[in-house]
Amino acid sequence: MILRKILYYLNPLTLFKKSPHPEGINLRMMHGINRISLFMFLIGLIIVLIKIFSK
């Protein structure tokens, strides 16, 4: 259940999709920015791990 919610949150196809709940534009933009920052963090973490293990 929780893993399904996390995977839905990380799905790039649902990045800027409107949610079924009524919410303002500010909250939608905040969720979009949070997803983008999470993606950037994961990409950076992968790059750091590749650099550490490639030595």
Protein backbone atom coordinates (compact mmCIF):
# COMPACT_ATOMS: atom_id res chain seq x y z
CA MET A 1 0.00 0.00 0.00
CA ILE A 2 2.66 2.52 1.02
CA LEU A 3 5.01 1.34 -1.74
CA ARG A 4 2.23 1.85 -4.30
CA LYS A 5 1.73 5.44 -3.09
CA ILE A 6 5.48 6.12 -3.29
CA LEU A 7 5.69 4.69 -6.79
CA TYR A 8 2.68 6.77 -7.86
CA TYR A 9 4.34 9.88 -6.40
CA LEU A 10 7.60 9.15 -8.24
CA ASN A 11 5.91 8.34 -11.55
CA PRO A 12 6.95 11.02 -14.08
CA LEU A 13 3.64 10.60 -15.95
CA THR A 14 1.74 11.90 -12.91
CA LEU A 15 4.17 14.75 -12.21
CA PHE A 16 1.85 17.63 -13.14
CA LYS A 17 -1.42 15.70 -13.44
CA LYS A 18 -4.35 17.18 -11.59
CA SER A 19 -5.22 15.27 -8.45
CA PRO A 20 -8.78 14.13 -7.77
CA HIS A 21 -8.86 16.30 -4.64
CA PRO A 22 -9.70 19.99 -5.00
CA GLU A 23 -6.58 21.97 -4.27
CA GLY A 24 -5.18 25.34 -5.16
CA ILE A 25 -2.52 26.09 -7.74
CA ASN A 26 0.01 26.82 -4.98
CA LEU A 27 -0.32 23.36 -3.47
CA ARG A 28 -0.05 21.71 -6.91
CA MET A 29 3.10 23.67 -7.70
CA MET A 30 4.58 22.78 -4.31
CA HIS A 31 4.00 19.08 -4.97
CA GLY A 32 5.55 19.43 -8.43
CA ILE A 33 8.64 21.14 -7.04
CA ASN A 34 8.94 18.50 -4.31
CA ARG A 35 8.84 15.74 -6.93
CA ILE A 36 11.45 17.47 -9.07
CA SER A 37 13.76 17.93 -6.08
CA LEU A 38 13.29 14.27 -5.11
CA PHE A 39 14.20 13.18 -8.65
CA MET A 40 17.29 15.41 -8.61
CA PHE A 41 18.36 13.99 -5.25
CA LEU A 42 17.98 10.40 -6.48
CA ILE A 43 19.93 11.13 -9.66
CA GLY A 44 22.70 12.80 -7.63
CA LEU A 45 22.79 9.87 -5.22
CA ILE A 46 23.12 7.43 -8.13
CA ILE A 47 25.95 9.49 -9.65
CA VAL A 48 27.82 9.61 -6.32
CA LEU A 49 27.41 5.86 -5.82
CA ILE A 50 28.68 5.17 -9.36
CA LYS A 51 31.73 7.36 -8.74
CA ILE A 52 32.46 5.65 -5.40
CA PHE A 53 32.15 2.11 -6.74
CA SER A 54 33.95 2.74 -10.05
CA LYS A 55 37.30 3.41 -8.37
